Amino acid sequence: MSKPVSRRSSFLGLPLAPLPASALLVCTAVGAVVVIGVLSLALVPLLFAIGIGFAWLLAALLLGWAGIEAMAALERWFENDPRFHR
């Protein structure tokens, strides 16, 4: 003989009637959308700050490299200009 089919569903082992199960499903879906929206709003400023940090790092490296090149050019000028050989 087959087992009778129950119209009740279960959530984490707890039996739920169809109406509360449907309400739980709808609330879970709406809550997931809200949580994803809040997390994305929190993620945008974080990504922006990381981008700004990388831009500052790149600018510092490029300015440092330009400074080294300028000092090398100044040294070559000092070595080649007769005014500095006295």
C-alpha atoms as a PDB file:
ATOM      1  CA  MET A   1       0.000   0.000   0.000  1.00  0.00           C
ATOM      2  CA  SER A   2       1.280   3.497  -0.828  1.00  0.00           C
ATOM      3  CA  LYS A   3       1.862   6.263   1.642  1.00  0.00           C
ATOM      4  CA  PRO A   4      -0.780   9.036   1.719  1.00  0.00           C
ATOM      5  CA  VAL A   5       0.370  12.276   0.070  1.00  0.00           C
ATOM      6  CA  SER A   6       0.468  15.226   2.433  1.00  0.00           C
ATOM      7  CA  ARG A   7      -0.478  18.691   1.260  1.00  0.00           C
ATOM      8  CA  ARG A   8       1.905  20.209   3.793  1.00  0.00           C
ATOM      9  CA  SER A   9       5.421  21.151   2.778  1.00  0.00           C
ATOM     10  CA  SER A  10       8.403  21.237   5.071  1.00  0.00           C
ATOM     11  CA  PHE A  11      11.019  23.903   5.638  1.00  0.00           C
ATOM     12  CA  LEU A  12      14.127  22.806   7.546  1.00  0.00           C
ATOM     13  CA  GLY A  13      12.185  19.793   8.716  1.00  0.00           C
ATOM     14  CA  LEU A  14       9.270  21.906   9.993  1.00  0.00           C
ATOM     15  CA  PRO A  15       5.896  21.215   8.420  1.00  0.00           C
ATOM     16  CA  LEU A  16       4.288  24.277   6.812  1.00  0.00           C
ATOM     17  CA  ALA A  17       0.840  24.763   5.408  1.00  0.00           C
ATOM     18  CA  PRO A  18       0.624  25.998   1.793  1.00  0.00           C
ATOM     19  CA  LEU A  19      -0.223  29.629   2.669  1.00  0.00           C
ATOM     20  CA  PRO A  20       2.670  30.185   5.119  1.00  0.00           C
ATOM     21  CA  ALA A  21       5.030  28.342   2.759  1.00  0.00           C
ATOM     22  CA  SER A  22       4.024  30.674  -0.075  1.00  0.00           C
ATOM     23  CA  ALA A  23       4.426  33.725   2.162  1.00  0.00           C
ATOM     24  CA  LEU A  24       7.858  32.483   3.232  1.00  0.00           C
ATOM     25  CA  LEU A  25       8.880  32.001  -0.398  1.00  0.00           C
ATOM     26  CA  VAL A  26       7.711  35.506  -1.397  1.00  0.00           C
ATOM     27  CA  CYS A  27       9.373  37.158   1.607  1.00  0.00           C
ATOM     28  CA  THR A  28      12.611  35.294   0.903  1.00  0.00           C
ATOM     29  CA  ALA A  29      12.606  36.424  -2.724  1.00  0.00           C
ATOM     30  CA  VAL A  30      11.886  40.058  -1.804  1.00  0.00           C
ATOM     31  CA  GLY A  31      14.511  39.956   0.953  1.00  0.00           C
ATOM     32  CA  ALA A  32      17.103  38.570  -1.459  1.00  0.00           C
ATOM     33  CA  VAL A  33      16.447  41.433  -3.897  1.00  0.00           C
ATOM     34  CA  VAL A  34      16.761  43.990  -1.082  1.00  0.00           C
ATOM     35  CA  VAL A  35      19.972  42.432   0.268  1.00  0.00           C
ATOM     36  CA  ILE A  36      21.526  42.309  -3.222  1.00  0.00           C
ATOM     37  CA  GLY A  37      20.560  45.967  -3.772  1.00  0.00           C
ATOM     38  CA  VAL A  38      22.083  47.095  -0.481  1.00  0.00           C
ATOM     39  CA  LEU A  39      25.267  45.112  -1.108  1.00  0.00           C
ATOM     40  CA  SER A  40      25.633  46.588  -4.580  1.00  0.00           C
ATOM     41  CA  LEU A  41      25.184  50.101  -3.175  1.00  0.00           C
ATOM     42  CA  ALA A  42      27.900  49.349  -0.631  1.00  0.00           C
ATOM     43  CA  LEU A  43      30.149  47.840  -3.302  1.00  0.00           C
ATOM     44  CA  VAL A  44      30.129  50.847  -5.661  1.00  0.00           C
ATOM     45  CA  PRO A  45      31.958  53.253  -3.286  1.00  0.00           C
ATOM     46  CA  LEU A  46      34.396  50.500  -2.341  1.00  0.00           C
ATOM     47  CA  LEU A  47      35.294  49.840  -5.985  1.00  0.00           C
ATOM     48  CA  PHE A  48      35.561  53.582  -6.596  1.00  0.00           C
ATOM     49  CA  ALA A  49      37.977  53.953  -3.656  1.00  0.00           C
ATOM     50  CA  ILE A  50      40.094  51.047  -4.912  1.00  0.00           C
ATOM     51  CA  GLY A  51      40.213  52.658  -8.375  1.00  0.00           C
ATOM     52  CA  ILE A  52      41.286  55.985  -6.883  1.00  0.00           C
ATOM     53  CA  GLY A  53      44.007  54.208  -4.880  1.00  0.00           C
ATOM     54  CA  PHE A  54      45.380  52.520  -8.003  1.00  0.00           C
ATOM     55  CA  ALA A  55      45.298  55.850  -9.863  1.00  0.00           C
ATOM     56  CA  TRP A  56      47.315  57.509  -7.060  1.00  0.00           C
ATOM     57  CA  LEU A  57      49.810  54.660  -7.099  1.00  0.00           C
ATOM     58  CA  LEU A  58      50.209  54.887 -10.870  1.00  0.00           C
ATOM     59  CA  ALA A  59      50.632  58.678 -10.699  1.00  0.00           C
ATOM     60  CA  ALA A  60      53.257  58.342  -7.946  1.00  0.00           C
ATOM     61  CA  LEU A  61      55.209  55.768  -9.961  1.00  0.00           C
ATOM     62  CA  LEU A  62      55.089  57.867 -13.128  1.00  0.00           C
ATOM     63  CA  LEU A  63      56.134  61.026 -11.297  1.00  0.00           C
ATOM     64  CA  GLY A  64      58.987  59.155  -9.603  1.00  0.00           C
ATOM     65  CA  TRP A  65      60.181  57.830 -12.937  1.00  0.00           C
ATOM     66  CA  ALA A  66      59.966  61.328 -14.469  1.00  0.00           C
ATOM     67  CA  GLY A  67      61.993  62.705 -11.542  1.00  0.00           C
ATOM     68  CA  ILE A  68      64.714  60.103 -12.027  1.00  0.00           C
ATOM     69  CA  GLU A  69      64.853  60.879 -15.753  1.00  0.00           C
ATOM     70  CA  ALA A  70      65.065  64.625 -15.016  1.00  0.00           C
ATOM     71  CA  MET A  71      67.940  64.092 -12.583  1.00  0.00           C
ATOM     72  CA  ALA A  72      69.774  61.977 -15.182  1.00  0.00           C
ATOM     73  CA  ALA A  73      69.293  64.699 -17.809  1.00  0.00           C
ATOM     74  CA  LEU A  74      70.569  67.316 -15.345  1.00  0.00           C
ATOM     75  CA  GLU A  75      73.629  65.183 -14.624  1.00  0.00           C
ATOM     76  CA  ARG A  76      74.390  64.825 -18.351  1.00  0.00           C
ATOM     77  CA  TRP A  77      74.033  68.593 -18.730  1.00  0.00           C
ATOM     78  CA  PHE A  78      76.457  69.205 -15.838  1.00  0.00           C
ATOM     79  CA  GLU A  79      78.980  66.801 -17.389  1.00  0.00           C
ATOM     80  CA  ASN A  80      78.788  68.260 -20.899  1.00  0.00           C
ATOM     81  CA  ASP A  81      78.544  72.019 -20.253  1.00  0.00           C
ATOM     82  CA  PRO A  82      81.972  73.715 -19.961  1.00  0.00           C
ATOM     83  CA  ARG A  83      80.667  76.255 -17.409  1.00  0.00           C
ATOM     84  CA  PHE A  84      80.606  73.534 -14.789  1.00  0.00           C
ATOM     85  CA  HIS A  85      84.191  72.313 -15.452  1.00  0.00           C
ATOM     86  CA  ARG A  86      85.992  75.244 -13.786  1.00  0.00           C
END
